[in-house]
Amino acid sequence: SDNRLSGEIPAELGNLRRLKLLSLSKNKLNGSIPKELGELKSLQRLELMVNQLEGEIPKEMGQLEALQELRLSDNRLSGEIPAELGNLRRLKLLSLSKNKLNGSIPKELGELKSLQRLELMVNQLEGEIPKEMGQLEALQELRLSDNRLSG
């Protein structure tokens, strides 16, 4: 991380089946997040924050069953938060802040029983905070400021 890498993230990184950490943060990467990264079944930490990534978060991210930390903050990601992220049962940290995400917070995030930190601030999220969020008993930090949430 913190290099001057530019261009798109190669889809071929999805072939690195034993990879446990992928950190490409603080670069100048653009384009979208390749759906092929969902093939990284051993991945525990995915750090892509502080880049210029665009497009939607691939629903295939929900297949990363070993994932403990997903950091995608400070990009230009848009669209809705995929409900499939609720499948990441080992996830402890989910940071999607400072993007252009819209729609509502998926109720499926209430399934993340190991989650300790949820950071969704500075997006364009709307609607009410799902009551299912009350099931996140391990949660220590919840950051939802600077959105369009109601209720």
N, C-alpha and C. Protein backbone atom coordinates (compact mmCIF):
# COMPACT_ATOMS: atom_id res chain seq x y z
N SER A 1 0.82 -1.19 0.00
CA SER A 1 0.00 0.00 0.00
C SER A 1 0.86 1.25 0.00
N ASP A 2 0.23 2.39 -0.24
CA ASP A 2 0.87 3.71 -0.24
C ASP A 2 2.01 3.77 -1.26
N ASN A 3 1.74 3.32 -2.46
CA ASN A 3 2.67 3.44 -3.56
C ASN A 3 2.07 4.38 -4.59
N ARG A 4 2.51 4.29 -5.79
CA ARG A 4 1.92 5.12 -6.85
C ARG A 4 1.34 4.22 -7.93
N LEU A 5 0.79 3.11 -7.53
CA LEU A 5 0.20 2.18 -8.49
C LEU A 5 -1.01 2.83 -9.14
N SER A 6 -1.13 2.66 -10.45
CA SER A 6 -2.28 3.22 -11.15
C SER A 6 -2.86 2.15 -12.07
N GLY A 7 -3.94 2.49 -12.73
CA GLY A 7 -4.60 1.53 -13.60
C GLY A 7 -5.63 0.73 -12.84
N GLU A 8 -6.07 -0.35 -13.45
CA GLU A 8 -7.13 -1.17 -12.85
C GLU A 8 -6.54 -2.35 -12.07
N ILE A 9 -7.33 -2.87 -11.15
CA ILE A 9 -6.93 -4.07 -10.41
C ILE A 9 -7.08 -5.26 -11.35
N PRO A 10 -6.02 -6.03 -11.58
CA PRO A 10 -6.13 -7.16 -12.51
C PRO A 10 -7.08 -8.25 -11.99
N ALA A 11 -8.00 -8.67 -12.84
CA ALA A 11 -8.93 -9.75 -12.47
C ALA A 11 -8.17 -11.03 -12.13
N GLU A 12 -6.98 -11.19 -12.68
CA GLU A 12 -6.18 -12.40 -12.46
C GLU A 12 -5.75 -12.58 -11.01
N LEU A 13 -5.82 -11.53 -10.22
CA LEU A 13 -5.52 -11.68 -8.79
C LEU A 13 -6.47 -12.68 -8.14
N GLY A 14 -7.62 -12.89 -8.74
CA GLY A 14 -8.58 -13.88 -8.24
C GLY A 14 -8.07 -15.31 -8.30
N ASN A 15 -6.94 -15.51 -9.00
CA ASN A 15 -6.33 -16.86 -9.08
C ASN A 15 -5.47 -17.19 -7.88
N LEU A 16 -5.18 -16.22 -7.03
CA LEU A 16 -4.25 -16.41 -5.91
C LEU A 16 -5.01 -17.01 -4.71
N ARG A 17 -5.38 -18.26 -4.84
CA ARG A 17 -6.30 -18.92 -3.91
C ARG A 17 -5.81 -19.00 -2.46
N ARG A 18 -4.51 -18.92 -2.23
CA ARG A 18 -3.99 -19.02 -0.86
C ARG A 18 -3.75 -17.66 -0.21
N LEU A 19 -4.03 -16.59 -0.95
CA LEU A 19 -3.78 -15.24 -0.45
C LEU A 19 -4.63 -14.96 0.79
N LYS A 20 -3.98 -14.41 1.82
CA LYS A 20 -4.69 -14.09 3.06
C LYS A 20 -4.87 -12.59 3.23
N LEU A 21 -3.98 -11.79 2.65
CA LEU A 21 -4.05 -10.34 2.75
C LEU A 21 -3.83 -9.74 1.36
N LEU A 22 -4.74 -8.86 0.95
CA LEU A 22 -4.56 -8.08 -0.27
C LEU A 22 -4.73 -6.63 0.11
N SER A 23 -3.62 -5.89 0.11
CA SER A 23 -3.64 -4.49 0.48
C SER A 23 -3.11 -3.65 -0.67
N LEU A 24 -3.99 -2.88 -1.27
CA LEU A 24 -3.64 -2.00 -2.38
C LEU A 24 -4.07 -0.57 -2.06
N SER A 25 -4.14 -0.25 -0.79
CA SER A 25 -4.66 1.05 -0.38
C SER A 25 -3.68 2.18 -0.66
N LYS A 26 -4.21 3.40 -0.69
CA LYS A 26 -3.43 4.63 -0.89
C LYS A 26 -2.63 4.58 -2.18
N ASN A 27 -3.31 4.30 -3.26
CA ASN A 27 -2.72 4.32 -4.59
C ASN A 27 -3.61 5.17 -5.50
N LYS A 28 -3.45 4.99 -6.78
CA LYS A 28 -4.27 5.72 -7.75
C LYS A 28 -5.01 4.74 -8.65
N LEU A 29 -5.45 3.65 -8.05
CA LEU A 29 -6.14 2.62 -8.82
C LEU A 29 -7.53 3.11 -9.22
N ASN A 30 -7.93 2.79 -10.45
CA ASN A 30 -9.25 3.18 -10.92
C ASN A 30 -9.97 1.98 -11.53
N GLY A 31 -11.09 2.24 -12.16
CA GLY A 31 -11.89 1.14 -12.67
C GLY A 31 -12.71 0.54 -11.55
N SER A 32 -13.25 -0.63 -11.79
CA SER A 32 -14.11 -1.26 -10.79
C SER A 32 -13.35 -2.36 -10.05
N ILE A 33 -13.96 -2.83 -8.97
CA ILE A 33 -13.40 -3.96 -8.21
C ILE A 33 -13.75 -5.23 -8.98
N PRO A 34 -12.75 -6.01 -9.41
CA PRO A 34 -13.06 -7.22 -10.19
C PRO A 34 -13.86 -8.23 -9.38
N LYS A 35 -14.92 -8.76 -9.98
CA LYS A 35 -15.73 -9.77 -9.30
C LYS A 35 -14.93 -11.02 -9.01
N GLU A 36 -13.84 -11.23 -9.75
CA GLU A 36 -12.99 -12.40 -9.55
C GLU A 36 -12.33 -12.44 -8.17
N LEU A 37 -12.24 -11.29 -7.50
CA LEU A 37 -11.68 -11.29 -6.14
C LEU A 37 -12.55 -12.12 -5.20
N GLY A 38 -13.78 -12.36 -5.56
CA GLY A 38 -14.67 -13.21 -4.77
C GLY A 38 -14.23 -14.66 -4.73
N GLU A 39 -13.24 -15.02 -5.55
CA GLU A 39 -12.70 -16.40 -5.57
C GLU A 39 -11.62 -16.62 -4.52
N LEU A 40 -11.21 -15.56 -3.82
CA LEU A 40 -10.10 -15.66 -2.86
C LEU A 40 -10.61 -16.20 -1.51
N LYS A 41 -10.87 -17.50 -1.49
CA LYS A 41 -11.53 -18.14 -0.34
C LYS A 41 -10.72 -18.10 0.95
N SER A 42 -9.39 -17.90 0.86
CA SER A 42 -8.55 -17.85 2.06
C SER A 42 -8.37 -16.42 2.57
N LEU A 43 -8.85 -15.43 1.80
CA LEU A 43 -8.58 -14.03 2.12
C LEU A 43 -9.20 -13.63 3.46
N GLN A 44 -8.37 -13.04 4.32
CA GLN A 44 -8.82 -12.58 5.62
C GLN A 44 -8.96 -11.06 5.68
N ARG A 45 -8.13 -10.35 4.90
CA ARG A 45 -8.17 -8.89 4.88
C ARG A 45 -8.08 -8.38 3.45
N LEU A 46 -9.04 -7.52 3.08
CA LEU A 46 -9.03 -6.87 1.77
C LEU A 46 -9.05 -5.37 2.01
N GLU A 47 -7.96 -4.71 1.62
CA GLU A 47 -7.80 -3.28 1.87
C GLU A 47 -7.60 -2.57 0.54
N LEU A 48 -8.63 -1.85 0.10
CA LEU A 48 -8.58 -1.11 -1.16
C LEU A 48 -8.89 0.36 -0.94
N MET A 49 -8.78 0.83 0.30
CA MET A 49 -9.19 2.20 0.59
C MET A 49 -8.22 3.23 0.00
N VAL A 50 -8.73 4.44 -0.13
CA VAL A 50 -8.00 5.60 -0.65
C VAL A 50 -7.43 5.31 -2.05
N ASN A 51 -8.34 5.11 -2.98
CA ASN A 51 -8.03 4.97 -4.40
C ASN A 51 -9.08 5.75 -5.17
N GLN A 52 -9.24 5.43 -6.43
CA GLN A 52 -10.25 6.09 -7.26
C GLN A 52 -11.15 5.04 -7.90
N LEU A 53 -11.44 3.99 -7.14
CA LEU A 53 -12.26 2.89 -7.65
C LEU A 53 -13.70 3.33 -7.83
N GLU A 54 -14.31 2.86 -8.91
CA GLU A 54 -15.68 3.25 -9.26
C GLU A 54 -16.55 2.02 -9.44
N GLY A 55 -17.82 2.27 -9.70
CA GLY A 55 -18.75 1.18 -9.95
C GLY A 55 -19.29 0.61 -8.65
N GLU A 56 -19.97 -0.51 -8.78
CA GLU A 56 -20.62 -1.12 -7.63
C GLU A 56 -19.69 -2.10 -6.93
N ILE A 57 -19.99 -2.37 -5.65
CA ILE A 57 -19.28 -3.41 -4.91
C ILE A 57 -19.81 -4.75 -5.45
N PRO A 58 -18.94 -5.61 -5.97
CA PRO A 58 -19.44 -6.87 -6.54
C PRO A 58 -20.11 -7.74 -5.48
N LYS A 59 -21.25 -8.32 -5.84
CA LYS A 59 -21.95 -9.20 -4.90
C LYS A 59 -21.10 -10.42 -4.57
N GLU A 60 -20.14 -10.74 -5.44
CA GLU A 60 -19.23 -11.87 -5.20
C GLU A 60 -18.37 -11.68 -3.95
N MET A 61 -18.26 -10.46 -3.45
CA MET A 61 -17.53 -10.24 -2.19
C MET A 61 -18.16 -11.05 -1.06
N GLY A 62 -19.43 -11.36 -1.18
CA GLY A 62 -20.12 -12.16 -0.17
C GLY A 62 -19.68 -13.61 -0.11
N GLN A 63 -18.81 -14.03 -1.05
CA GLN A 63 -18.30 -15.41 -1.07
C GLN A 63 -16.99 -15.56 -0.28
N LEU A 64 -16.46 -14.44 0.23
CA LEU A 64 -15.17 -14.47 0.93
C LEU A 64 -15.37 -14.90 2.38
N GLU A 65 -15.62 -16.20 2.56
CA GLU A 65 -16.08 -16.69 3.87
C GLU A 65 -15.04 -16.59 4.98
N ALA A 66 -13.75 -16.44 4.64
CA ALA A 66 -12.71 -16.28 5.68
C ALA A 66 -12.47 -14.81 6.03
N LEU A 67 -13.10 -13.90 5.30
CA LEU A 67 -12.79 -12.47 5.44
C LEU A 67 -13.14 -11.93 6.83
N GLN A 68 -12.17 -11.21 7.41
CA GLN A 68 -12.36 -10.58 8.72
C GLN A 68 -12.41 -9.05 8.61
N GLU A 69 -11.73 -8.49 7.60
CA GLU A 69 -11.73 -7.04 7.42
C GLU A 69 -11.93 -6.70 5.95
N LEU A 70 -12.91 -5.84 5.69
CA LEU A 70 -13.17 -5.34 4.34
C LEU A 70 -13.15 -3.82 4.40
N ARG A 71 -12.10 -3.24 3.81
CA ARG A 71 -11.90 -1.80 3.84
C ARG A 71 -11.93 -1.25 2.41
N LEU A 72 -13.02 -0.55 2.10
CA LEU A 72 -13.20 0.02 0.76
C LEU A 72 -13.45 1.52 0.82
N SER A 73 -13.14 2.15 1.94
CA SER A 73 -13.46 3.56 2.12
C SER A 73 -12.60 4.47 1.24
N ASP A 74 -13.05 5.71 1.09
CA ASP A 74 -12.33 6.73 0.32
C ASP A 74 -12.10 6.32 -1.13
N ASN A 75 -13.18 6.00 -1.81
CA ASN A 75 -13.16 5.70 -3.23
C ASN A 75 -14.34 6.43 -3.87
N ARG A 76 -14.73 5.97 -5.04
CA ARG A 76 -15.88 6.56 -5.74
C ARG A 76 -16.93 5.49 -6.03
N LEU A 77 -17.02 4.51 -5.13
CA LEU A 77 -17.94 3.40 -5.33
C LEU A 77 -19.39 3.89 -5.26
N SER A 78 -20.23 3.33 -6.10
CA SER A 78 -21.63 3.76 -6.17
C SER A 78 -22.55 2.54 -6.14
N GLY A 79 -23.84 2.78 -6.22
CA GLY A 79 -24.80 1.70 -6.16
C GLY A 79 -25.13 1.34 -4.72
N GLU A 80 -25.82 0.23 -4.56
CA GLU A 80 -26.25 -0.19 -3.24
C GLU A 80 -25.23 -1.13 -2.59
N ILE A 81 -25.28 -1.20 -1.28
CA ILE A 81 -24.45 -2.16 -0.54
C ILE A 81 -25.04 -3.55 -0.80
N PRO A 82 -24.25 -4.49 -1.32
CA PRO A 82 -24.81 -5.81 -1.64
C PRO A 82 -25.29 -6.55 -0.38
N ALA A 83 -26.50 -7.07 -0.46
CA ALA A 83 -27.04 -7.86 0.66
C ALA A 83 -26.16 -9.08 0.93
N GLU A 84 -25.44 -9.54 -0.08
CA GLU A 84 -24.58 -10.72 0.05
C GLU A 84 -23.47 -10.54 1.09
N LEU A 85 -23.15 -9.29 1.42
CA LEU A 85 -22.13 -9.07 2.46
C LEU A 85 -22.58 -9.65 3.80
N GLY A 86 -23.86 -9.88 3.96
CA GLY A 86 -24.38 -10.50 5.17
C GLY A 86 -23.94 -11.94 5.34
N ASN A 87 -23.33 -12.53 4.30
CA ASN A 87 -22.81 -13.90 4.38
C ASN A 87 -21.45 -13.99 5.05
N LEU A 88 -20.80 -12.84 5.27
CA LEU A 88 -19.42 -12.83 5.78
C LEU A 88 -19.41 -12.98 7.29
N ARG A 89 -19.68 -14.18 7.75
CA ARG A 89 -19.90 -14.45 9.18
C ARG A 89 -18.69 -14.19 10.07
N ARG A 90 -17.48 -14.18 9.49
CA ARG A 90 -16.27 -13.94 10.30
C ARG A 90 -15.85 -12.46 10.30
N LEU A 91 -16.59 -11.64 9.57
CA LEU A 91 -16.21 -10.23 9.40
C LEU A 91 -16.25 -9.48 10.73
N LYS A 92 -15.14 -8.79 11.03
CA LYS A 92 -15.04 -7.99 12.24
C LYS A 92 -15.10 -6.50 11.93
N LEU A 93 -14.63 -6.13 10.73
CA LEU A 93 -14.60 -4.72 10.35
C LEU A 93 -15.12 -4.56 8.93
N LEU A 94 -16.10 -3.68 8.76
CA LEU A 94 -16.63 -3.34 7.44
C LEU A 94 -16.59 -1.83 7.31
N SER A 95 -15.71 -1.33 6.44
CA SER A 95 -15.56 0.11 6.24
C SER A 95 -15.84 0.45 4.78
N LEU A 96 -16.96 1.13 4.56
CA LEU A 96 -17.37 1.56 3.22
C LEU A 96 -17.56 3.07 3.16
N SER A 97 -16.98 3.78 4.11
CA SER A 97 -17.22 5.22 4.24
C SER A 97 -16.57 6.02 3.10
N LYS A 98 -17.06 7.24 2.92
CA LYS A 98 -16.54 8.19 1.93
C LYS A 98 -16.56 7.62 0.52
N ASN A 99 -17.75 7.19 0.11
CA ASN A 99 -18.01 6.74 -1.24
C ASN A 99 -19.28 7.43 -1.72
N LYS A 100 -19.90 6.87 -2.75
CA LYS A 100 -21.15 7.42 -3.26
C LYS A 100 -22.24 6.36 -3.22
N LEU A 101 -22.21 5.54 -2.18
CA LEU A 101 -23.17 4.44 -2.06
C LEU A 101 -24.56 5.00 -1.75
N ASN A 102 -25.58 4.39 -2.36
CA ASN A 102 -26.95 4.85 -2.14
C ASN A 102 -27.85 3.68 -1.80
N GLY A 103 -29.14 3.95 -1.74
CA GLY A 103 -30.08 2.92 -1.33
C GLY A 103 -30.10 2.82 0.18
N SER A 104 -30.68 1.75 0.67
CA SER A 104 -30.79 1.58 2.11
C SER A 104 -29.71 0.63 2.63
N ILE A 105 -29.55 0.63 3.94
CA ILE A 105 -28.62 -0.32 4.58
C ILE A 105 -29.29 -1.69 4.56
N PRO A 106 -28.67 -2.70 3.95
CA PRO A 106 -29.32 -4.01 3.87
C PRO A 106 -29.53 -4.63 5.25
N LYS A 107 -30.72 -5.15 5.48
CA LYS A 107 -31.01 -5.79 6.77
C LYS A 107 -30.12 -7.01 7.00
N GLU A 108 -29.59 -7.58 5.92
CA GLU A 108 -28.72 -8.75 6.03
C GLU A 108 -27.44 -8.46 6.80
N LEU A 109 -27.05 -7.21 6.91
CA LEU A 109 -25.86 -6.89 7.70
C LEU A 109 -26.07 -7.23 9.17
N GLY A 110 -27.31 -7.40 9.58
CA GLY A 110 -27.62 -7.83 10.94
C GLY A 110 -27.19 -9.25 11.23
N GLU A 111 -26.79 -9.99 10.18
CA GLU A 111 -26.33 -11.38 10.34
C GLU A 111 -24.84 -11.46 10.70
N LEU A 112 -24.15 -10.32 10.68
CA LEU A 112 -22.70 -10.31 10.90
C LEU A 112 -22.38 -10.33 12.39
N LYS A 113 -22.55 -11.49 13.01
CA LYS A 113 -22.46 -11.62 14.47
C LYS A 113 -21.08 -11.33 15.04
N SER A 114 -20.03 -11.40 14.21
CA SER A 114 -18.67 -11.11 14.69
C SER A 114 -18.28 -9.65 14.51
N LEU A 115 -19.14 -8.87 13.84
CA LEU A 115 -18.79 -7.50 13.48
C LEU A 115 -18.58 -6.62 14.70
N GLN A 116 -17.42 -5.95 14.72
CA GLN A 116 -17.07 -5.05 15.81
C GLN A 116 -17.12 -3.59 15.38
N ARG A 117 -16.79 -3.32 14.10
CA ARG A 117 -16.80 -1.95 13.58
C ARG A 117 -17.53 -1.90 12.25
N LEU A 118 -18.52 -0.99 12.16
CA LEU A 118 -19.25 -0.76 10.92
C LEU A 118 -19.18 0.72 10.60
N GLU A 119 -18.53 1.04 9.49
CA GLU A 119 -18.33 2.43 9.09
C GLU A 119 -18.97 2.66 7.72
N LEU A 120 -20.08 3.40 7.73
CA LEU A 120 -20.80 3.71 6.50
C LEU A 120 -20.97 5.21 6.30
N MET A 121 -20.23 6.02 7.06
CA MET A 121 -20.43 7.46 7.01
C MET A 121 -20.01 8.06 5.67
N VAL A 122 -20.54 9.24 5.41
CA VAL A 122 -20.25 10.03 4.20
C VAL A 122 -20.55 9.24 2.93
N ASN A 123 -21.81 8.89 2.77
CA ASN A 123 -22.34 8.27 1.57
C ASN A 123 -23.67 8.94 1.26
N GLN A 124 -24.49 8.29 0.48
CA GLN A 124 -25.81 8.83 0.15
C GLN A 124 -26.89 7.80 0.52
N LEU A 125 -26.67 7.12 1.64
CA LEU A 125 -27.59 6.08 2.09
C LEU A 125 -28.89 6.71 2.59
N GLU A 126 -30.01 6.03 2.32
CA GLU A 126 -31.33 6.56 2.65
C GLU A 126 -32.12 5.53 3.46
N GLY A 127 -33.26 5.98 3.93
CA GLY A 127 -34.16 5.08 4.64
C GLY A 127 -33.83 4.97 6.11
N GLU A 128 -34.46 3.99 6.73
CA GLU A 128 -34.27 3.79 8.17
C GLU A 128 -33.12 2.82 8.44
N ILE A 129 -32.59 2.92 9.64
CA ILE A 129 -31.59 1.95 10.08
C ILE A 129 -32.34 0.64 10.37
N PRO A 130 -31.96 -0.46 9.73
CA PRO A 130 -32.70 -1.71 9.92
C PRO A 130 -32.69 -2.17 11.38
N LYS A 131 -33.83 -2.63 11.86
CA LYS A 131 -33.92 -3.11 13.25
C LYS A 131 -32.99 -4.30 13.48
N GLU A 132 -32.65 -5.02 12.41
CA GLU A 132 -31.74 -6.17 12.52
C GLU A 132 -30.35 -5.78 13.01
N MET A 133 -30.02 -4.49 12.89
CA MET A 133 -28.72 -4.03 13.39
C MET A 133 -28.61 -4.24 14.90
N GLY A 134 -29.74 -4.33 15.56
CA GLY A 134 -29.75 -4.58 17.00
C GLY A 134 -29.27 -5.97 17.37
N GLN A 135 -29.07 -6.84 16.38
CA GLN A 135 -28.57 -8.20 16.63
C GLN A 135 -27.04 -8.27 16.64
N LEU A 136 -26.38 -7.15 16.34
CA LEU A 136 -24.92 -7.13 16.24
C LEU A 136 -24.31 -6.98 17.64
N GLU A 137 -24.34 -8.04 18.40
CA GLU A 137 -23.95 -7.98 19.81
C GLU A 137 -22.47 -7.73 20.02
N ALA A 138 -21.63 -8.02 19.04
CA ALA A 138 -20.18 -7.78 19.17
C ALA A 138 -19.80 -6.35 18.78
N LEU A 139 -20.75 -5.60 18.23
CA LEU A 139 -20.46 -4.28 17.67
C LEU A 139 -19.98 -3.30 18.74
N GLN A 140 -18.84 -2.65 18.45
CA GLN A 140 -18.27 -1.65 19.36
C GLN A 140 -18.33 -0.25 18.76
N GLU A 141 -18.26 -0.14 17.43
CA GLU A 141 -18.31 1.16 16.76
C GLU A 141 -19.28 1.11 15.60
N LEU A 142 -20.21 2.07 15.58
CA LEU A 142 -21.18 2.19 14.50
C LEU A 142 -21.14 3.63 14.02
N ARG A 143 -20.70 3.82 12.78
CA ARG A 143 -20.54 5.17 12.23
C ARG A 143 -21.41 5.31 10.98
N LEU A 144 -22.45 6.13 11.11
CA LEU A 144 -23.42 6.30 10.03
C LEU A 144 -23.63 7.78 9.65
N SER A 145 -22.81 8.67 10.19
CA SER A 145 -23.03 10.11 9.97
C SER A 145 -22.88 10.51 8.50
N ASP A 146 -23.42 11.67 8.18
CA ASP A 146 -23.34 12.25 6.84
C ASP A 146 -23.92 11.34 5.77
N ASN A 147 -25.17 10.92 5.99
CA ASN A 147 -25.96 10.19 5.02
C ASN A 147 -27.32 10.85 4.95
N ARG A 148 -28.29 10.17 4.39
CA ARG A 148 -29.66 10.69 4.32
C ARG A 148 -30.62 9.75 5.05
N LEU A 149 -30.15 9.21 6.15
CA LEU A 149 -30.94 8.24 6.91
C LEU A 149 -32.07 8.94 7.65
N SER A 150 -33.17 8.22 7.85
CA SER A 150 -34.33 8.79 8.54
C SER A 150 -34.84 7.79 9.57
N GLY A 151 -35.87 8.19 10.30
CA GLY A 151 -36.48 7.28 11.27
C GLY A 151 -36.09 7.62 12.69
